[in-house]
């Protein structure tokens, strides 16, 4: 069996993260003419981040300011098995030029790509890019339904685009009414999506965008439900592996820090979080005692973004 080829790949972002760059492979190489995220193989003794910075200097002529570790993916091509480590980058020095590619193109996040063909290993990355950095969990049980809907309306107006209807202890009728009201609010904003916690039937009945499972429910699934978005809460490496086996769209991992409901519980902390997500093929939201102002810290440790029950309230 041939050894796995280790590759570092860059997701370069601009315009506030709304556009990303793809480069076209040159003629004479395997998959010539295909579009890919720029990057290349690790040389002996290099870390993935070191290889990425070197490759971007050689391929695009830029010096990167900061590379955020993101997703990890394995893929078997006919010619080789590859292990890709993706990094997100939004600041660099120099002017991008296709020094080792035929061309490059800036594409809109969340829109069908206007170039083709794209390397097969990169398709899940395009879907992951469309997920926003903040995932809000409803807390009507604590705040009351009217106050929670007002909180959501303010947050949506300020850019919130991913919501989980949680509130699992509300009576079924009240929870359904809450979910209907959240769907109506989200429907006023382009690209706003709503997931329902642990209730596939309710999500389907309301036409919600997806369902979010608890870690206990995750282990009861035999296959991925037929919903556009499927997510789960995770607490252990085994949970993360199970979510990846089921090919979910994203996960939430925590608790990370002490929370208002559990102020004496330390949480797993950033170092443990980074170790757990280092090889995740799925986007991971950090949860537990976090606020949007901590997004950069979360991304530095490999998170896709932040999930919050209380901390997403607009200032």
Protein backbone atom coordinates (compact mmCIF):
# COMPACT_ATOMS: atom_id res chain seq x y z
CA UNK A 1 0.00 0.00 0.00
CA UNK A 2 1.33 3.42 -0.96
CA UNK A 3 1.86 5.92 1.89
CA UNK A 4 -0.74 8.61 2.43
CA UNK A 5 0.23 11.95 0.90
CA UNK A 6 0.03 14.74 3.48
CA UNK A 7 -1.24 18.03 2.02
CA UNK A 8 -1.88 21.51 3.44
CA UNK A 9 -4.59 23.55 1.70
CA UNK A 10 -5.58 27.22 2.03
CA UNK A 11 -9.07 28.68 2.06
CA UNK A 12 -8.30 32.33 1.33
CA UNK A 13 -11.19 34.64 2.21
CA UNK A 14 -11.94 38.27 1.43
CA UNK A 15 -14.86 40.74 1.59
CA UNK A 16 -15.61 39.83 5.21
CA UNK A 17 -15.50 36.10 4.48
CA UNK A 18 -18.09 36.25 1.69
CA UNK A 19 -15.67 35.28 -1.09
CA UNK A 20 -13.06 32.53 -1.38
CA UNK A 21 -10.30 31.72 -3.83
CA UNK A 22 -9.88 28.68 -6.06
CA UNK A 23 -6.91 28.05 -8.38
CA UNK A 24 -6.78 25.99 -11.57
CA UNK A 25 -4.28 23.15 -11.74
CA UNK A 26 -1.70 23.57 -14.54
CA UNK A 27 -1.42 21.30 -17.55
CA UNK A 28 1.06 18.46 -17.12
CA UNK A 29 -0.14 17.65 -13.58
CA UNK A 30 -2.64 15.04 -12.43
CA UNK A 31 -6.18 16.46 -12.75
CA UNK A 32 -4.91 19.26 -14.99
CA UNK A 33 -7.53 21.97 -15.47
CA UNK A 34 -9.39 21.11 -12.26
CA UNK A 35 -10.00 23.83 -9.68
CA UNK A 36 -8.74 23.46 -6.13
CA UNK A 37 -7.88 25.27 -2.94
CA UNK A 38 -4.20 26.24 -3.28
CA UNK A 39 -1.58 24.42 -1.24
CA UNK A 40 0.68 21.43 -1.56
CA UNK A 41 2.51 18.48 -0.05
CA UNK A 42 4.36 18.62 3.24
CA UNK A 43 8.12 18.31 2.92
CA UNK A 44 10.11 16.22 5.45
CA UNK A 45 10.19 17.92 8.84
CA UNK A 46 7.46 20.46 8.00
CA UNK A 47 4.28 20.99 9.94
CA UNK A 48 1.10 21.48 7.95
CA UNK A 49 1.11 25.20 8.73
CA UNK A 50 4.75 25.61 7.69
CA UNK A 51 4.07 23.80 4.42
CA UNK A 52 1.05 26.00 3.77
CA UNK A 53 2.98 29.26 4.24
CA UNK A 54 5.77 28.03 1.95
CA UNK A 55 3.36 26.83 -0.74
CA UNK A 56 1.45 30.12 -0.79
CA UNK A 57 4.68 32.06 -1.28
CA UNK A 58 5.65 29.75 -4.15
CA UNK A 59 2.23 29.38 -5.76
CA UNK A 60 0.59 32.77 -5.21
CA UNK A 61 3.42 35.10 -4.21
CA UNK A 62 1.89 36.14 -0.89
CA UNK A 63 3.01 36.14 2.74
CA UNK A 64 0.26 35.07 5.13
CA UNK A 65 -0.39 36.96 8.38
CA UNK A 66 -2.44 34.30 10.16
CA UNK A 67 -3.65 30.81 9.18
CA UNK A 68 -6.52 29.39 11.24
CA UNK A 69 -6.57 25.55 11.46
CA UNK A 70 -9.93 24.33 10.22
CA UNK A 71 -10.92 21.00 8.66
CA UNK A 72 -9.11 17.71 8.13
CA UNK A 73 -10.10 15.37 5.33
CA UNK A 74 -8.96 12.08 3.83
CA UNK A 75 -9.68 11.19 0.22
CA UNK A 76 -8.71 8.35 -2.13
CA UNK A 77 -7.89 9.36 -5.68
CA UNK A 78 -7.04 6.71 -8.31
CA UNK A 79 -3.39 7.79 -8.19
CA UNK A 80 -2.99 8.39 -4.41
CA UNK A 81 -4.56 8.54 -0.97
CA UNK A 82 -4.34 12.07 0.41
CA UNK A 83 -4.78 13.58 3.86
CA UNK A 84 -5.63 17.27 3.63
CA UNK A 85 -5.37 19.84 6.40
CA UNK A 86 -7.38 22.94 5.53
CA UNK A 87 -6.63 26.38 6.97
CA UNK A 88 -8.69 29.58 6.73
CA UNK A 89 -6.81 32.78 5.89
CA UNK A 90 -8.21 36.30 5.65
CA UNK A 91 -5.12 38.55 5.76
CA UNK A 92 -1.89 38.44 3.76
CA UNK A 93 0.78 40.67 2.20
CA UNK A 94 1.43 40.88 -1.52
CA UNK A 95 -0.68 40.61 -4.64
CA UNK A 96 -2.07 37.19 -5.48
CA UNK A 97 -0.82 35.87 -8.82
CA UNK A 98 -1.14 32.38 -10.38
CA UNK A 99 2.60 31.65 -10.35
CA UNK A 100 2.12 27.87 -10.52
CA UNK A 101 -1.51 27.66 -11.66
CA UNK A 102 -3.27 28.41 -14.94
CA UNK A 103 -5.64 30.89 -13.30
CA UNK A 104 -7.43 31.80 -10.10
CA UNK A 105 -10.97 32.96 -9.35
CA UNK A 106 -12.80 34.60 -6.43
CA UNK A 107 -16.14 32.89 -5.80
CA UNK A 108 -19.10 33.74 -3.58
CA UNK A 109 -19.55 31.69 -0.41
CA UNK A 110 -22.80 29.72 -0.39
CA UNK A 111 -23.40 30.09 -4.12
CA UNK A 112 -22.93 27.45 -6.85
CA UNK A 113 -19.31 27.80 -8.02
CA UNK A 114 -18.91 29.49 -11.38
CA UNK A 115 -15.90 27.36 -12.32
CA UNK A 116 -15.62 23.65 -13.07
CA UNK A 117 -14.56 20.95 -12.67
CA UNK A 118 -13.57 21.10 -8.98
CA UNK A 119 -11.40 18.45 -7.34
CA UNK A 120 -13.73 15.93 -5.63
CA UNK A 121 -12.01 16.20 -2.24
CA UNK A 122 -12.95 19.89 -2.08
CA UNK A 123 -16.73 19.59 -2.47
CA UNK A 124 -17.51 19.20 1.28
CA UNK A 125 -15.34 22.23 1.98
CA UNK A 126 -17.60 24.38 -0.19
CA UNK A 127 -20.62 23.32 1.88
CA UNK A 128 -18.82 23.96 5.16
CA UNK A 129 -17.85 27.46 4.05
CA UNK A 130 -21.53 28.39 3.79
CA UNK A 131 -22.02 27.93 7.54
CA UNK A 132 -21.94 31.25 9.46
CA UNK A 133 -19.62 31.81 12.43
CA UNK A 134 -22.37 32.18 15.08
CA UNK A 135 -24.92 29.49 16.01
CA UNK A 136 -27.64 30.73 18.38
CA UNK A 137 -29.62 28.39 20.64
CA UNK A 138 -33.00 29.59 21.83
CA UNK A 139 -33.61 30.01 25.57
CA UNK A 140 -37.30 30.82 25.85
CA UNK A 141 -37.56 28.61 28.92
CA UNK A 142 -35.49 31.16 30.83
CA UNK A 143 -36.37 34.41 29.04
CA UNK A 144 -40.02 33.82 28.14
CA UNK A 145 -41.25 33.39 24.58
CA UNK A 146 -42.00 37.07 23.75
CA UNK A 147 -38.61 38.24 25.05
CA UNK A 148 -36.81 35.44 23.24
CA UNK A 149 -38.48 36.28 19.92
CA UNK A 150 -37.56 39.94 20.40
CA UNK A 151 -33.96 38.90 21.12
CA UNK A 152 -33.91 36.81 17.94
CA UNK A 153 -35.38 39.60 15.85
CA UNK A 154 -32.64 42.00 16.98
CA UNK A 155 -29.92 39.43 16.34
CA UNK A 156 -31.23 38.59 12.87
CA UNK A 157 -31.23 42.29 12.00
CA UNK A 158 -27.57 42.41 13.07
CA UNK A 159 -26.55 39.41 10.93
CA UNK A 160 -27.40 36.20 12.82
CA UNK A 161 -28.11 33.47 10.25
CA UNK A 162 -28.08 30.10 12.07
CA UNK A 163 -30.55 29.25 14.86
CA UNK A 164 -31.41 26.15 16.85
CA UNK A 165 -34.86 25.93 18.43
CA UNK A 166 -33.86 24.23 21.68
CA UNK A 167 -36.19 24.69 24.69
CA UNK A 168 -36.75 20.96 25.11
CA UNK A 169 -38.78 21.25 28.33
CA UNK A 170 -41.50 23.48 26.92
CA UNK A 171 -44.87 21.72 26.50
CA UNK A 172 -45.13 20.32 22.93
CA UNK A 173 -47.74 22.82 21.80
CA UNK A 174 -45.76 25.79 23.10
CA UNK A 175 -42.56 24.46 21.59
CA UNK A 176 -44.20 24.03 18.19
CA UNK A 177 -45.60 27.57 18.37
CA UNK A 178 -42.15 28.87 19.27
CA UNK A 179 -40.59 27.00 16.36
CA UNK A 180 -43.22 28.37 13.97
CA UNK A 181 -42.55 31.92 15.17
CA UNK A 182 -38.78 31.46 14.81
CA UNK A 183 -39.28 30.14 11.27
CA UNK A 184 -41.42 33.17 10.43
CA UNK A 185 -38.77 35.56 11.76
CA UNK A 186 -35.94 33.82 9.95
CA UNK A 187 -37.93 33.82 6.72
CA UNK A 188 -37.58 37.60 6.56
CA UNK A 189 -33.79 37.37 6.19
CA UNK A 190 -31.86 35.92 3.26
CA UNK A 191 -29.88 32.76 4.08
CA UNK A 192 -31.16 32.52 7.65
CA UNK A 193 -31.56 28.86 8.65
CA UNK A 194 -33.36 27.17 11.52
CA UNK A 195 -32.72 23.73 13.05
CA UNK A 196 -34.99 21.98 15.56
CA UNK A 197 -33.41 20.16 18.49
CA UNK A 198 -33.96 16.36 18.64
CA UNK A 199 -37.33 16.31 16.79
CA UNK A 200 -37.09 15.24 13.15
CA UNK A 201 -40.86 15.06 12.72
CA UNK A 202 -41.36 18.62 13.95
CA UNK A 203 -38.52 19.86 11.75
CA UNK A 204 -40.06 18.20 8.68
CA UNK A 205 -43.59 19.34 9.53
CA UNK A 206 -42.48 22.97 9.81
CA UNK A 207 -40.21 22.88 6.78
CA UNK A 208 -37.25 23.74 8.99
CA UNK A 209 -33.79 23.73 7.46
CA UNK A 210 -32.57 20.88 9.63
CA UNK A 211 -32.38 19.02 12.90
CA UNK A 212 -29.86 19.09 15.75
CA UNK A 213 -29.35 15.94 17.86
CA UNK A 214 -28.13 15.59 21.43
CA UNK A 215 -25.09 13.37 21.95
CA UNK A 216 -27.38 10.64 23.30
CA UNK A 217 -29.60 10.79 20.22
CA UNK A 218 -26.52 10.79 17.99
CA UNK A 219 -25.71 7.24 19.08
CA UNK A 220 -29.25 6.06 18.40
CA UNK A 221 -29.07 7.03 14.72
CA UNK A 222 -28.45 4.27 12.20
CA UNK A 223 -28.18 6.70 9.30
CA UNK A 224 -28.33 10.41 8.55
CA UNK A 225 -31.93 11.69 8.48
CA UNK A 226 -33.27 13.10 5.24
CA UNK A 227 -32.92 16.79 6.18
CA UNK A 228 -30.94 19.54 4.42
CA UNK A 229 -28.88 20.24 7.56
CA UNK A 230 -28.10 17.71 10.28
CA UNK A 231 -25.99 18.59 13.31
CA UNK A 232 -25.24 17.14 16.73
CA UNK A 233 -23.86 18.02 20.15
CA UNK A 234 -20.60 16.25 21.02
CA UNK A 235 -18.62 15.89 24.22
CA UNK A 236 -15.98 13.26 23.42
CA UNK A 237 -13.71 12.07 20.62
CA UNK A 238 -16.07 9.11 20.13
CA UNK A 239 -19.00 11.50 19.61
CA UNK A 240 -17.04 13.42 16.98
CA UNK A 241 -16.12 10.20 15.17
CA UNK A 242 -19.73 9.03 15.17
CA UNK A 243 -20.94 12.33 13.71
CA UNK A 244 -18.33 12.05 10.95
CA UNK A 245 -19.36 8.45 10.19
CA UNK A 246 -22.94 9.63 9.72
CA UNK A 247 -21.72 12.48 7.47
CA UNK A 248 -23.44 15.21 9.45
CA UNK A 249 -23.02 18.82 8.37
CA UNK A 250 -21.52 20.20 11.58
CA UNK A 251 -21.21 19.60 15.31
CA UNK A 252 -21.11 21.54 18.56
CA UNK A 253 -18.42 20.63 21.10
CA UNK A 254 -18.39 21.58 24.76
CA UNK A 255 -18.85 22.73 27.39
CA UNK A 256 -15.68 24.73 26.90
CA UNK A 257 -15.73 27.23 29.79
CA UNK A 258 -17.87 27.69 32.92
CA UNK A 259 -21.41 28.81 32.09
CA UNK A 260 -24.13 30.76 33.88
CA UNK A 261 -26.05 27.53 34.51
CA UNK A 262 -22.92 25.60 35.64
CA UNK A 263 -20.51 28.24 37.01
CA UNK A 264 -18.44 25.75 39.02
CA UNK A 265 -17.83 23.36 36.12
CA UNK A 266 -14.47 24.16 34.53
CA UNK A 267 -15.22 22.87 31.04
CA UNK A 268 -12.72 21.15 28.75
CA UNK A 269 -10.70 24.33 28.00
CA UNK A 270 -9.06 25.45 24.77
CA UNK A 271 -6.09 23.02 24.67
CA UNK A 272 -8.34 19.97 24.97
CA UNK A 273 -10.77 21.45 22.46
CA UNK A 274 -7.94 21.93 19.94
CA UNK A 275 -6.76 18.34 20.39
CA UNK A 276 -10.25 16.95 19.90
CA UNK A 277 -11.02 18.89 16.70
CA UNK A 278 -7.56 18.62 15.14
CA UNK A 279 -8.63 15.83 12.81
CA UNK A 280 -12.32 16.61 12.45
CA UNK A 281 -13.68 16.51 8.88
CA UNK A 282 -16.76 18.39 10.12
CA UNK A 283 -17.02 22.07 11.10
CA UNK A 284 -17.05 22.33 14.90
CA UNK A 285 -18.71 25.12 16.90
CA UNK A 286 -17.31 25.72 20.38
CA UNK A 287 -20.01 25.91 23.09
CA UNK A 288 -20.03 26.90 26.74
CA UNK A 289 -19.45 30.32 28.29
CA UNK A 290 -18.59 31.98 24.97
CA UNK A 291 -19.49 35.28 23.33
CA UNK A 292 -19.03 36.50 19.74
CA UNK A 293 -16.05 38.61 20.87
CA UNK A 294 -14.22 35.31 21.48
CA UNK A 295 -14.55 34.15 17.87
CA UNK A 296 -10.89 34.76 16.97
CA UNK A 297 -9.77 32.71 19.98
CA UNK A 298 -12.09 29.90 18.93
CA UNK A 299 -10.82 29.93 15.35
CA UNK A 300 -7.21 29.93 16.55
CA UNK A 301 -7.96 26.60 18.26
CA UNK A 302 -9.61 25.01 15.22
CA UNK A 303 -13.27 25.95 15.71
CA UNK A 304 -15.48 26.88 12.80
CA UNK A 305 -17.34 29.30 15.03
CA UNK A 306 -19.15 29.80 18.33
CA UNK A 307 -22.46 28.37 19.56
CA UNK A 308 -24.21 30.07 22.46
CA UNK A 309 -27.38 29.83 24.51
CA UNK A 310 -27.11 33.19 26.27
CA UNK A 311 -24.03 34.89 24.84
CA UNK A 312 -25.42 35.72 21.41
CA UNK A 313 -27.71 38.47 22.73
CA UNK A 314 -27.06 41.67 20.73
CA UNK A 315 -25.33 44.46 22.65
